Amino acid sequence: MSEVVQSEKRCVGRLCMLLGRTSQGYYKGRKGRERDALCGELIMQEVLLVRERQRRLGGRKLYYLLEGFLKEHQIEIGRDAFFDLLREYGLLVRTRRARKPRTTFSYWRGKKYPNLAKDMVPTRANQLWVSDITYIRTRKGCGYLSLITDAYSRKIVGFHLSGDLGAGGCARALRMALNNNPEREGLVHHSDRGVQYYSALYMHVLGEDIRISMTENSDPLENAIAERVNGILKQEYLEKKYKNIFEAGRAVQEAVDLYNNERPHSSIAYLTPAEAHDRTGDLKRLWKNYAQYNKAEAFQVTA
C-alpha cells in the first residue's frame, strides 16, 4: 500500500474519532456516493447517444427507452430522480423558457481544476492526453473500459477493461500510457470531473510533473476527442454482447490494435494514429468542426 493511501487512512481515522463516527461507516458512505456519481455519468453517456439521433426527445420517452440499459447495469433510479439528473446537466427539453445550464456539474466536492485543454492545439505527441471511461456489454453484466488517448495523434496510449466502476481500472490504463511513453515533458492530462480521476490512487499515479486539466461544464464538447474515440470503438469494433469479461477483454485488445494501426482518420490527414504519433508539427484536418466553424481549418503535415 502506498504512503499516500496510508496517510489518507490515518487522517480519516483521526477525523472519524473526533466526530464520533467509524472509519467503516465513512468508507461505506463514500463508496456509495462514488457509485452514484459514476452511475449518473453512465446514464448521461447513454442519453447523449440517444440525443445524437433524436435531439428533441423528451424525458419520459428517454426514461422508457433506457429501462433495459438501467436493468442491465443494475442501476435503480426513479423517474423523478432521472428528471433531476437531466436538469442538472441542462438536458431537459423545454417548450417555453429554456433553463440555463449550470456552469459546473460534479458530484465531487474536491478541488476544481481548470480546463487547460480548452485552447490548446498540440503540435506533437504526448503534449495532451484525454481520458474517459465507457462500458462494454457482456452476457454476465458489463465491463468498464478506461481509455487514455493522445490528442495530437488520436492514438490510444493506455487502456484497461475492468469488471467494476472503481478507480483501479483507470489507474491501470494510465500506468500503461506512462510506461509506453517515457518522453512526455510538459504533458497535460485532461478528463471530466468523474470521481475516479479525483481518487488518491489516480492522483498518485499522475504524480507531480503532469499538469491536471478537467472539464468546467457538463458539455461533452469539453472532452470531445475522448467521447469520439469511445464512439468509434463501440460503434465500429465492439458492437456485440460478449460471453464474459475475458472474451470482451480480447475483443478490446484487438479493437485497439485495429484502431491504432489500421484505421485512417480524417482529423489527422488520413494517417493512422500510430503513424501520426511519430510525426511533429500541425496535421491537416479534412473535416470541419462545427463547434469551431469560424476558426481556420488547418494545417499541413510535416514528417
C-alpha atoms as a PDB file:
ATOM      1  CA  MET A   1       0.000   0.000   0.000  1.00  0.00           C
ATOM      2  CA  SER A   2       1.411   3.409  -0.994  1.00  0.00           C
ATOM      3  CA  GLU A   3       2.344   6.076   1.555  1.00  0.00           C
ATOM      4  CA  VAL A   4      -0.315   8.379   0.071  1.00  0.00           C
ATOM      5  CA  VAL A   5      -3.119   5.877   0.753  1.00  0.00           C
ATOM      6  CA  GLN A   6      -1.778   5.063   4.234  1.00  0.00           C
ATOM      7  CA  SER A   7      -1.601   8.764   5.081  1.00  0.00           C
ATOM      8  CA  GLU A   8      -5.172   9.275   3.892  1.00  0.00           C
ATOM      9  CA  LYS A   9      -6.416   6.386   6.044  1.00  0.00           C
ATOM     10  CA  ARG A  10      -4.672   7.766   9.145  1.00  0.00           C
ATOM     11  CA  CYS A  11      -6.213  11.210   8.601  1.00  0.00           C
ATOM     12  CA  VAL A  12      -9.661   9.713   8.061  1.00  0.00           C
ATOM     13  CA  GLY A  13      -9.318   7.625  11.217  1.00  0.00           C
ATOM     14  CA  ARG A  14      -8.432  10.666  13.347  1.00  0.00           C
ATOM     15  CA  LEU A  15     -11.298  12.731  11.925  1.00  0.00           C
ATOM     16  CA  CYS A  16     -13.798   9.931  12.487  1.00  0.00           C
ATOM     17  CA  MET A  17     -12.694   9.649  16.126  1.00  0.00           C
ATOM     18  CA  LEU A  18     -13.182  13.393  16.620  1.00  0.00           C
ATOM     19  CA  LEU A  19     -16.645  13.298  15.031  1.00  0.00           C
ATOM     20  CA  GLY A  20     -17.779  10.145  16.787  1.00  0.00           C
ATOM     21  CA  ARG A  21     -18.007   8.110  13.591  1.00  0.00           C
ATOM     22  CA  THR A  22     -16.408   4.873  12.462  1.00  0.00           C
ATOM     23  CA  SER A  23     -13.976   4.616   9.588  1.00  0.00           C
ATOM     24  CA  GLN A  24     -16.044   1.733   8.218  1.00  0.00           C
ATOM     25  CA  GLY A  25     -19.135   3.933   8.063  1.00  0.00           C
ATOM     26  CA  TYR A  26     -17.206   6.725   6.381  1.00  0.00           C
ATOM     27  CA  TYR A  27     -15.778   4.486   3.649  1.00  0.00           C
ATOM     28  CA  LYS A  28     -19.140   2.768   3.121  1.00  0.00           C
ATOM     29  CA  GLY A  29     -20.804   6.142   2.625  1.00  0.00           C
ATOM     30  CA  ARG A  30     -18.051   7.356   0.297  1.00  0.00           C
ATOM     31  CA  LYS A  31     -18.247   4.184  -1.788  1.00  0.00           C
ATOM     32  CA  GLY A  32     -21.992   4.706  -2.167  1.00  0.00           C
ATOM     33  CA  ARG A  33     -21.531   8.316  -3.254  1.00  0.00           C
ATOM     34  CA  GLU A  34     -18.836   7.351  -5.764  1.00  0.00           C
ATOM     35  CA  ARG A  35     -21.062   4.652  -7.273  1.00  0.00           C
ATOM     36  CA  ASP A  36     -23.998   7.072  -7.526  1.00  0.00           C
ATOM     37  CA  ALA A  37     -21.750   9.597  -9.277  1.00  0.00           C
ATOM     38  CA  LEU A  38     -20.381   7.081 -11.774  1.00  0.00           C
ATOM     39  CA  CYS A  39     -23.841   5.642 -12.450  1.00  0.00           C
ATOM     40  CA  GLY A  40     -25.052   9.158 -13.184  1.00  0.00           C
ATOM     41  CA  GLU A  41     -22.234   9.636 -15.684  1.00  0.00           C
ATOM     42  CA  LEU A  42     -23.048   6.318 -17.425  1.00  0.00           C
ATOM     43  CA  ILE A  43     -26.709   7.325 -17.705  1.00  0.00           C
ATOM     44  CA  MET A  44     -25.732  10.655 -19.258  1.00  0.00           C
ATOM     45  CA  GLN A  45     -23.475   8.885 -21.789  1.00  0.00           C
ATOM     46  CA  GLU A  46     -26.462   6.810 -22.927  1.00  0.00           C
ATOM     47  CA  VAL A  47     -28.757   9.864 -23.013  1.00  0.00           C
ATOM     48  CA  LEU A  48     -26.276  11.722 -25.223  1.00  0.00           C
ATOM     49  CA  LEU A  49     -26.122   8.753 -27.623  1.00  0.00           C
ATOM     50  CA  VAL A  50     -29.913   8.804 -27.985  1.00  0.00           C
ATOM     51  CA  ARG A  51     -29.962  12.586 -28.352  1.00  0.00           C
ATOM     52  CA  GLU A  52     -27.486  12.408 -31.247  1.00  0.00           C
ATOM     53  CA  ARG A  53     -30.326  10.998 -33.383  1.00  0.00           C
ATOM     54  CA  GLN A  54     -33.359  12.481 -31.613  1.00  0.00           C
ATOM     55  CA  ARG A  55     -32.357  15.829 -30.167  1.00  0.00           C
ATOM     56  CA  ARG A  56     -35.850  16.808 -29.030  1.00  0.00           C
ATOM     57  CA  LEU A  57     -36.860  13.510 -27.427  1.00  0.00           C
ATOM     58  CA  GLY A  58     -38.491  14.261 -24.079  1.00  0.00           C
ATOM     59  CA  GLY A  59     -37.559  12.955 -20.644  1.00  0.00           C
ATOM     60  CA  ARG A  60     -40.440  10.487 -20.304  1.00  0.00           C
ATOM     61  CA  LYS A  61     -39.600   8.800 -23.612  1.00  0.00           C
ATOM     62  CA  LEU A  62     -35.891   8.771 -22.699  1.00  0.00           C
ATOM     63  CA  TYR A  63     -36.683   7.088 -19.389  1.00  0.00           C
ATOM     64  CA  TYR A  64     -38.752   4.463 -21.219  1.00  0.00           C
ATOM     65  CA  LEU A  65     -36.020   3.795 -23.777  1.00  0.00           C
ATOM     66  CA  LEU A  66     -33.371   3.460 -21.061  1.00  0.00           C
ATOM     67  CA  GLU A  67     -35.265   0.873 -18.987  1.00  0.00           C
ATOM     68  CA  GLY A  68     -33.295  -2.040 -20.469  1.00  0.00           C
ATOM     69  CA  PHE A  69     -29.998  -0.171 -20.081  1.00  0.00           C
ATOM     70  CA  LEU A  70     -30.719   0.590 -16.408  1.00  0.00           C
ATOM     71  CA  LYS A  71     -31.623  -3.040 -15.661  1.00  0.00           C
ATOM     72  CA  GLU A  72     -28.522  -4.296 -17.476  1.00  0.00           C
ATOM     73  CA  HIS A  73     -26.281  -2.074 -15.358  1.00  0.00           C
ATOM     74  CA  GLN A  74     -28.293  -2.777 -12.181  1.00  0.00           C
ATOM     75  CA  ILE A  75     -28.950   0.946 -11.752  1.00  0.00           C
ATOM     76  CA  GLU A  76     -32.049   1.837  -9.736  1.00  0.00           C
ATOM     77  CA  ILE A  77     -33.315   5.333 -10.447  1.00  0.00           C
ATOM     78  CA  GLY A  78     -36.888   6.615 -10.341  1.00  0.00           C
ATOM     79  CA  ARG A  79     -38.414   8.863 -12.980  1.00  0.00           C
ATOM     80  CA  ASP A  80     -38.247  11.952 -10.756  1.00  0.00           C
ATOM     81  CA  ALA A  81     -34.584  11.341  -9.961  1.00  0.00           C
ATOM     82  CA  PHE A  82     -33.928  10.761 -13.667  1.00  0.00           C
ATOM     83  CA  PHE A  83     -35.546  14.117 -14.462  1.00  0.00           C
ATOM     84  CA  ASP A  84     -33.419  15.745 -11.756  1.00  0.00           C
ATOM     85  CA  LEU A  85     -30.303  14.287 -13.411  1.00  0.00           C
ATOM     86  CA  LEU A  86     -31.344  15.662 -16.804  1.00  0.00           C
ATOM     87  CA  ARG A  87     -31.991  19.031 -15.181  1.00  0.00           C
ATOM     88  CA  GLU A  88     -28.531  19.107 -13.582  1.00  0.00           C
ATOM     89  CA  TYR A  89     -26.942  18.545 -16.991  1.00  0.00           C
ATOM     90  CA  GLY A  90     -29.232  21.072 -18.696  1.00  0.00           C
ATOM     91  CA  LEU A  91     -30.706  18.322 -20.902  1.00  0.00           C
ATOM     92  CA  LEU A  92     -34.414  18.790 -20.248  1.00  0.00           C
ATOM     93  CA  VAL A  93     -36.348  19.689 -23.392  1.00  0.00           C
ATOM     94  CA  ARG A  94     -38.470  22.768 -22.712  1.00  0.00           C
ATOM     95  CA  THR A  95     -41.084  24.321 -24.953  1.00  0.00           C
ATOM     96  CA  ARG A  96     -41.145  27.591 -23.030  1.00  0.00           C
ATOM     97  CA  ARG A  97     -38.271  29.369 -21.357  1.00  0.00           C
ATOM     98  CA  ALA A  98     -35.052  27.402 -21.524  1.00  0.00           C
ATOM     99  CA  ARG A  99     -33.243  26.683 -18.272  1.00  0.00           C
ATOM    100  CA  LYS A 100     -29.711  27.974 -18.178  1.00  0.00           C
ATOM    101  CA  PRO A 101     -27.328  25.053 -17.588  1.00  0.00           C
ATOM    102  CA  ARG A 102     -25.105  25.129 -14.514  1.00  0.00           C
ATOM    103  CA  THR A 103     -21.606  26.386 -15.170  1.00  0.00           C
ATOM    104  CA  THR A 104     -20.158  23.334 -13.411  1.00  0.00           C
ATOM    105  CA  PHE A 105     -21.622  19.949 -12.619  1.00  0.00           C
ATOM    106  CA  SER A 106     -19.994  17.401 -10.381  1.00  0.00           C
ATOM    107  CA  TYR A 107     -20.910  15.075  -7.605  1.00  0.00           C
ATOM    108  CA  TRP A 108     -17.410  15.644  -6.274  1.00  0.00           C
ATOM    109  CA  ARG A 109     -16.740  18.477  -3.837  1.00  0.00           C
ATOM    110  CA  GLY A 110     -12.962  18.476  -4.146  1.00  0.00           C
ATOM    111  CA  LYS A 111     -10.531  20.843  -5.792  1.00  0.00           C
ATOM    112  CA  LYS A 112     -11.673  22.395  -9.080  1.00  0.00           C
ATOM    113  CA  TYR A 113      -9.013  22.031 -11.752  1.00  0.00           C
ATOM    114  CA  PRO A 114      -9.124  24.426 -14.756  1.00  0.00           C
ATOM    115  CA  ASN A 115      -9.730  23.325 -18.336  1.00  0.00           C
ATOM    116  CA  LEU A 116      -6.206  23.668 -19.738  1.00  0.00           C
ATOM    117  CA  ALA A 117      -7.178  21.809 -22.929  1.00  0.00           C
ATOM    118  CA  LYS A 118      -9.781  24.380 -23.999  1.00  0.00           C
ATOM    119  CA  ASP A 119      -7.490  26.465 -26.223  1.00  0.00           C
ATOM    120  CA  MET A 120      -4.628  24.012 -26.529  1.00  0.00           C
ATOM    121  CA  VAL A 121      -3.557  22.830 -30.010  1.00  0.00           C
ATOM    122  CA  PRO A 122      -0.843  20.175 -29.581  1.00  0.00           C
ATOM    123  CA  THR A 123       1.926  20.062 -32.171  1.00  0.00           C
ATOM    124  CA  ARG A 124       3.401  16.705 -31.173  1.00  0.00           C
ATOM    125  CA  ALA A 125       2.502  13.550 -29.322  1.00  0.00           C
ATOM    126  CA  ASN A 126       2.451  13.429 -25.521  1.00  0.00           C
ATOM    127  CA  GLN A 127       1.550  17.078 -25.025  1.00  0.00           C
ATOM    128  CA  LEU A 128      -2.124  16.440 -24.214  1.00  0.00           C
ATOM    129  CA  TRP A 129      -3.806  13.202 -23.148  1.00  0.00           C
ATOM    130  CA  VAL A 130      -7.570  12.908 -22.792  1.00  0.00           C
ATOM    131  CA  SER A 131      -9.231  10.236 -20.698  1.00  0.00           C
ATOM    132  CA  ASP A 132     -12.678   8.726 -20.344  1.00  0.00           C
ATOM    133  CA  ILE A 133     -14.495   5.573 -19.251  1.00  0.00           C
ATOM    134  CA  THR A 134     -17.237   3.694 -21.091  1.00  0.00           C
ATOM    135  CA  TYR A 135     -18.999   0.334 -20.840  1.00  0.00           C
ATOM    136  CA  ILE A 136     -18.790  -2.889 -22.850  1.00  0.00           C
ATOM    137  CA  ARG A 137     -21.741  -5.298 -22.736  1.00  0.00           C
ATOM    138  CA  THR A 138     -21.324  -8.943 -21.732  1.00  0.00           C
ATOM    139  CA  ARG A 139     -23.875 -11.668 -21.004  1.00  0.00           C
ATOM    140  CA  LYS A 140     -22.851 -11.579 -17.347  1.00  0.00           C
ATOM    141  CA  GLY A 141     -23.106  -7.838 -16.887  1.00  0.00           C
ATOM    142  CA  CYS A 142     -20.887  -5.068 -18.117  1.00  0.00           C
ATOM    143  CA  GLY A 143     -17.198  -4.342 -18.295  1.00  0.00           C
ATOM    144  CA  TYR A 144     -15.910  -0.800 -17.900  1.00  0.00           C
ATOM    145  CA  LEU A 145     -13.269   0.367 -20.360  1.00  0.00           C
ATOM    146  CA  SER A 146     -10.853   3.105 -19.307  1.00  0.00           C
ATOM    147  CA  LEU A 147      -9.064   4.862 -22.153  1.00  0.00           C
ATOM    148  CA  ILE A 148      -6.179   7.320 -22.408  1.00  0.00           C
ATOM    149  CA  THR A 149      -5.918   8.933 -25.869  1.00  0.00           C
ATOM    150  CA  ASP A 150      -3.230  11.228 -27.227  1.00  0.00           C
ATOM    151  CA  ALA A 151      -4.994  14.342 -28.528  1.00  0.00           C
ATOM    152  CA  TYR A 152      -2.391  15.063 -31.217  1.00  0.00           C
ATOM    153  CA  SER A 153      -2.260  11.641 -32.885  1.00  0.00           C
ATOM    154  CA  ARG A 154      -5.612  10.208 -31.695  1.00  0.00           C
ATOM    155  CA  LYS A 155      -3.667   7.132 -30.610  1.00  0.00           C
ATOM    156  CA  ILE A 156      -4.986   5.136 -27.663  1.00  0.00           C
ATOM    157  CA  VAL A 157      -1.889   5.068 -25.473  1.00  0.00           C
ATOM    158  CA  GLY A 158      -3.422   3.322 -22.453  1.00  0.00           C
ATOM    159  CA  PHE A 159      -6.483   1.173 -21.797  1.00  0.00           C
ATOM    160  CA  HIS A 160      -7.890  -1.295 -19.282  1.00  0.00           C
ATOM    161  CA  LEU A 161     -11.150  -3.259 -19.110  1.00  0.00           C
ATOM    162  CA  SER A 162     -12.343  -3.745 -15.550  1.00  0.00           C
ATOM    163  CA  GLY A 163     -15.273  -5.582 -14.021  1.00  0.00           C
ATOM    164  CA  ASP A 164     -16.218  -2.707 -11.724  1.00  0.00           C
ATOM    165  CA  LEU A 165     -16.548   1.058 -11.624  1.00  0.00           C
ATOM    166  CA  GLY A 166     -13.645   1.718  -9.272  1.00  0.00           C
ATOM    167  CA  ALA A 167     -10.619   3.896  -9.920  1.00  0.00           C
ATOM    168  CA  GLY A 168      -8.298   0.890 -10.275  1.00  0.00           C
ATOM    169  CA  GLY A 169      -9.075   0.337 -13.958  1.00  0.00           C
ATOM    170  CA  CYS A 170      -8.452   3.988 -14.771  1.00  0.00           C
ATOM    171  CA  ALA A 171      -5.156   3.892 -12.889  1.00  0.00           C
ATOM    172  CA  ARG A 172      -4.014   0.782 -14.803  1.00  0.00           C
ATOM    173  CA  ALA A 173      -4.804   2.466 -18.131  1.00  0.00           C
ATOM    174  CA  LEU A 174      -2.789   5.488 -17.033  1.00  0.00           C
ATOM    175  CA  ARG A 175       0.170   3.330 -15.952  1.00  0.00           C
ATOM    176  CA  MET A 176       0.182   1.670 -19.390  1.00  0.00           C
ATOM    177  CA  ALA A 177       0.254   5.077 -21.072  1.00  0.00           C
ATOM    178  CA  LEU A 178       3.092   6.285 -18.858  1.00  0.00           C
ATOM    179  CA  ASN A 179       5.160   3.116 -19.300  1.00  0.00           C
ATOM    180  CA  ASN A 180       4.813   3.217 -23.105  1.00  0.00           C
ATOM    181  CA  ASN A 181       5.582   6.935 -23.430  1.00  0.00           C
ATOM    182  CA  PRO A 182       8.578   7.894 -21.276  1.00  0.00           C
ATOM    183  CA  GLU A 183       9.173  11.158 -23.216  1.00  0.00           C
ATOM    184  CA  ARG A 184       6.336  13.419 -22.056  1.00  0.00           C
ATOM    185  CA  GLU A 185       7.754  16.749 -20.955  1.00  0.00           C
ATOM    186  CA  GLY A 186       5.043  19.340 -20.301  1.00  0.00           C
ATOM    187  CA  LEU A 187       2.219  16.764 -20.540  1.00  0.00           C
ATOM    188  CA  VAL A 188      -1.353  17.841 -19.705  1.00  0.00           C
ATOM    189  CA  HIS A 189      -3.849  15.174 -18.581  1.00  0.00           C
ATOM    190  CA  HIS A 190      -7.466  16.117 -19.347  1.00  0.00           C
ATOM    191  CA  SER A 191     -10.608  14.389 -18.074  1.00  0.00           C
ATOM    192  CA  ASP A 192     -14.151  15.043 -16.959  1.00  0.00           C
ATOM    193  CA  ARG A 193     -14.856  15.519 -13.258  1.00  0.00           C
ATOM    194  CA  GLY A 194     -15.604  11.870 -12.568  1.00  0.00           C
ATOM    195  CA  VAL A 195     -14.751  10.836  -9.029  1.00  0.00           C
ATOM    196  CA  GLN A 196     -12.275   8.195 -10.207  1.00  0.00           C
ATOM    197  CA  TYR A 197      -9.983  10.951 -11.526  1.00  0.00           C
ATOM    198  CA  TYR A 198     -10.056  12.648  -8.113  1.00  0.00           C
ATOM    199  CA  SER A 199      -9.147   9.483  -6.200  1.00  0.00           C
ATOM    200  CA  ALA A 200      -5.933   9.320  -4.170  1.00  0.00           C
ATOM    201  CA  LEU A 201      -4.812   6.328  -6.256  1.00  0.00           C
ATOM    202  CA  TYR A 202      -5.200   8.136  -9.586  1.00  0.00           C
ATOM    203  CA  MET A 203      -3.584  11.326  -8.320  1.00  0.00           C
ATOM    204  CA  HIS A 204      -0.651   9.269  -7.023  1.00  0.00           C
ATOM    205  CA  VAL A 205      -0.104   7.673 -10.459  1.00  0.00           C
ATOM    206  CA  LEU A 206      -0.301  11.089 -12.145  1.00  0.00           C
ATOM    207  CA  GLY A 207       2.482  12.358  -9.907  1.00  0.00           C
ATOM    208  CA  GLU A 208       3.651  15.953  -9.671  1.00  0.00           C
ATOM    209  CA  ASP A 209       5.087  16.510 -13.174  1.00  0.00           C
ATOM    210  CA  ILE A 210       1.848  16.084 -15.147  1.00  0.00           C
ATOM    211  CA  ARG A 211      -0.486  19.082 -15.240  1.00  0.00           C
ATOM    212  CA  ILE A 212      -4.128  18.265 -14.469  1.00  0.00           C
ATOM    213  CA  SER A 213      -6.966  19.615 -16.605  1.00  0.00           C
ATOM    214  CA  MET A 214     -10.684  18.943 -16.150  1.00  0.00           C
ATOM    215  CA  THR A 215     -13.913  19.987 -17.821  1.00  0.00           C
ATOM    216  CA  GLU A 216     -15.652  23.045 -16.414  1.00  0.00           C
ATOM    217  CA  ASN A 217     -19.215  22.404 -17.608  1.00  0.00           C
ATOM    218  CA  SER A 218     -21.412  19.432 -18.498  1.00  0.00           C
ATOM    219  CA  ASP A 219     -20.904  19.997 -22.235  1.00  0.00           C
ATOM    220  CA  PRO A 220     -19.434  16.812 -23.811  1.00  0.00           C
ATOM    221  CA  LEU A 221     -17.572  19.026 -26.309  1.00  0.00           C
ATOM    222  CA  GLU A 222     -15.166  19.859 -23.486  1.00  0.00           C
ATOM    223  CA  ASN A 223     -13.883  16.300 -23.779  1.00  0.00           C
ATOM    224  CA  ALA A 224     -14.823  15.783 -27.421  1.00  0.00           C
ATOM    225  CA  ILE A 225     -11.828  13.713 -28.540  1.00  0.00           C
ATOM    226  CA  ALA A 226     -12.290  11.173 -25.746  1.00  0.00           C
ATOM    227  CA  GLU A 227     -16.025  10.970 -26.466  1.00  0.00           C
ATOM    228  CA  ARG A 228     -15.330  10.462 -30.168  1.00  0.00           C
ATOM    229  CA  VAL A 229     -12.841   7.644 -29.546  1.00  0.00           C
ATOM    230  CA  ASN A 230     -15.373   5.929 -27.256  1.00  0.00           C
ATOM    231  CA  GLY A 231     -17.963   6.139 -30.013  1.00  0.00           C
ATOM    232  CA  ILE A 232     -15.655   4.756 -32.714  1.00  0.00           C
ATOM    233  CA  LEU A 233     -14.641   1.733 -30.634  1.00  0.00           C
ATOM    234  CA  LYS A 234     -18.200   0.858 -29.620  1.00  0.00           C
ATOM    235  CA  GLN A 235     -19.891   1.557 -32.957  1.00  0.00           C
ATOM    236  CA  GLU A 236     -17.252   0.102 -35.287  1.00  0.00           C
ATOM    237  CA  TYR A 237     -15.458  -2.612 -33.308  1.00  0.00           C
ATOM    238  CA  LEU A 238     -17.253  -3.545 -30.080  1.00  0.00           C
ATOM    239  CA  GLU A 239     -20.938  -3.696 -31.025  1.00  0.00           C
ATOM    240  CA  LYS A 240     -21.733  -7.264 -29.929  1.00  0.00           C
ATOM    241  CA  LYS A 241     -22.556  -8.539 -26.461  1.00  0.00           C
ATOM    242  CA  TYR A 242     -19.646 -10.719 -25.329  1.00  0.00           C
ATOM    243  CA  LYS A 243     -19.825 -14.003 -23.447  1.00  0.00           C
ATOM    244  CA  ASN A 244     -17.856 -12.727 -20.460  1.00  0.00           C
ATOM    245  CA  ILE A 245     -15.299 -10.139 -19.383  1.00  0.00           C
ATOM    246  CA  PHE A 246     -12.398 -12.239 -20.663  1.00  0.00           C
ATOM    247  CA  GLU A 247     -13.832 -12.502 -24.181  1.00  0.00           C
ATOM    248  CA  ALA A 248     -14.587  -8.782 -24.077  1.00  0.00           C
ATOM    249  CA  GLY A 249     -11.008  -8.100 -22.993  1.00  0.00           C
ATOM    250  CA  ARG A 250      -9.619  -9.942 -26.022  1.00  0.00           C
ATOM    251  CA  ALA A 251     -12.010  -8.020 -28.269  1.00  0.00           C
ATOM    252  CA  VAL A 252     -10.882  -4.723 -26.740  1.00  0.00           C
ATOM    253  CA  GLN A 253      -7.221  -5.577 -27.369  1.00  0.00           C
ATOM    254  CA  GLU A 254      -7.987  -6.419 -30.998  1.00  0.00           C
ATOM    255  CA  ALA A 255     -10.104  -3.276 -31.425  1.00  0.00           C
ATOM    256  CA  VAL A 256      -7.379  -1.020 -30.048  1.00  0.00           C
ATOM    257  CA  ASP A 257      -4.793  -2.618 -32.357  1.00  0.00           C
ATOM    258  CA  LEU A 258      -7.042  -2.099 -35.381  1.00  0.00           C
ATOM    259  CA  TYR A 259      -7.909   1.435 -34.364  1.00  0.00           C
ATOM    260  CA  ASN A 260      -4.296   2.469 -33.724  1.00  0.00           C
ATOM    261  CA  ASN A 261      -2.615   0.716 -36.631  1.00  0.00           C
ATOM    262  CA  GLU A 262      -5.124   0.336 -39.473  1.00  0.00           C
ATOM    263  CA  ARG A 263      -7.901   2.925 -39.217  1.00  0.00           C
ATOM    264  CA  PRO A 264      -7.143   6.215 -41.051  1.00  0.00           C
ATOM    265  CA  HIS A 265      -8.541   9.418 -39.516  1.00  0.00           C
ATOM    266  CA  SER A 266      -9.796  12.408 -41.438  1.00  0.00           C
ATOM    267  CA  SER A 267      -8.819  14.595 -38.472  1.00  0.00           C
ATOM    268  CA  ILE A 268      -5.136  13.708 -38.958  1.00  0.00           C
ATOM    269  CA  ALA A 269      -4.818  13.769 -42.769  1.00  0.00           C
ATOM    270  CA  TYR A 270      -5.962  10.155 -43.117  1.00  0.00           C
ATOM    271  CA  LEU A 271      -2.964   8.852 -41.216  1.00  0.00           C
ATOM    272  CA  THR A 272      -3.418   6.043 -38.737  1.00  0.00           C
ATOM    273  CA  PRO A 273      -2.943   7.101 -35.104  1.00  0.00           C
ATOM    274  CA  ALA A 274       0.269   5.055 -34.886  1.00  0.00           C
ATOM    275  CA  GLU A 275       1.689   6.894 -37.914  1.00  0.00           C
ATOM    276  CA  ALA A 276       0.621  10.296 -36.602  1.00  0.00           C
ATOM    277  CA  HIS A 277       2.144   9.552 -33.200  1.00  0.00           C
ATOM    278  CA  ASP A 278       5.621   9.606 -34.762  1.00  0.00           C
ATOM    279  CA  ARG A 279       5.064  12.953 -36.515  1.00  0.00           C
ATOM    280  CA  THR A 280       5.566  16.509 -35.322  1.00  0.00           C
ATOM    281  CA  GLY A 281       4.014  19.760 -36.450  1.00  0.00           C
ATOM    282  CA  ASP A 282       0.476  20.663 -37.469  1.00  0.00           C
ATOM    283  CA  LEU A 283      -1.680  17.939 -39.020  1.00  0.00           C
ATOM    284  CA  LYS A 284      -4.156  18.711 -41.785  1.00  0.00           C
ATOM    285  CA  ARG A 285      -7.775  18.216 -40.791  1.00  0.00           C
ATOM    286  CA  LEU A 286     -10.035  17.082 -43.602  1.00  0.00           C
ATOM    287  CA  TRP A 287     -13.309  17.804 -41.842  1.00  0.00           C
ATOM    288  CA  LYS A 288     -14.932  20.909 -40.426  1.00  0.00           C
ATOM    289  CA  ASN A 289     -15.578  21.057 -36.672  1.00  0.00           C
ATOM    290  CA  TYR A 290     -18.995  22.649 -36.239  1.00  0.00           C
ATOM    291  CA  ALA A 291     -18.024  23.890 -32.777  1.00  0.00           C
ATOM    292  CA  GLN A 292     -15.152  25.861 -34.312  1.00  0.00           C
ATOM    293  CA  TYR A 293     -16.778  26.671 -37.638  1.00  0.00           C
ATOM    294  CA  ASN A 294     -15.309  30.122 -37.890  1.00  0.00           C
ATOM    295  CA  LYS A 295     -11.761  29.147 -36.977  1.00  0.00           C
ATOM    296  CA  ALA A 296      -9.082  28.491 -39.552  1.00  0.00           C
ATOM    297  CA  GLU A 297      -9.031  24.973 -40.944  1.00  0.00           C
ATOM    298  CA  ALA A 298      -5.590  23.975 -40.796  1.00  0.00           C
ATOM    299  CA  PHE A 299      -2.721  22.655 -41.123  1.00  0.00           C
ATOM    300  CA  GLN A 300      -0.051  20.984 -43.119  1.00  0.00           C
ATOM    301  CA  VAL A 301       1.501  17.642 -42.254  1.00  0.00           C
ATOM    302  CA  THR A 302       5.199  17.600 -41.578  1.00  0.00           C
ATOM    303  CA  ALA A 303       7.230  14.439 -41.390  1.00  0.00           C
END
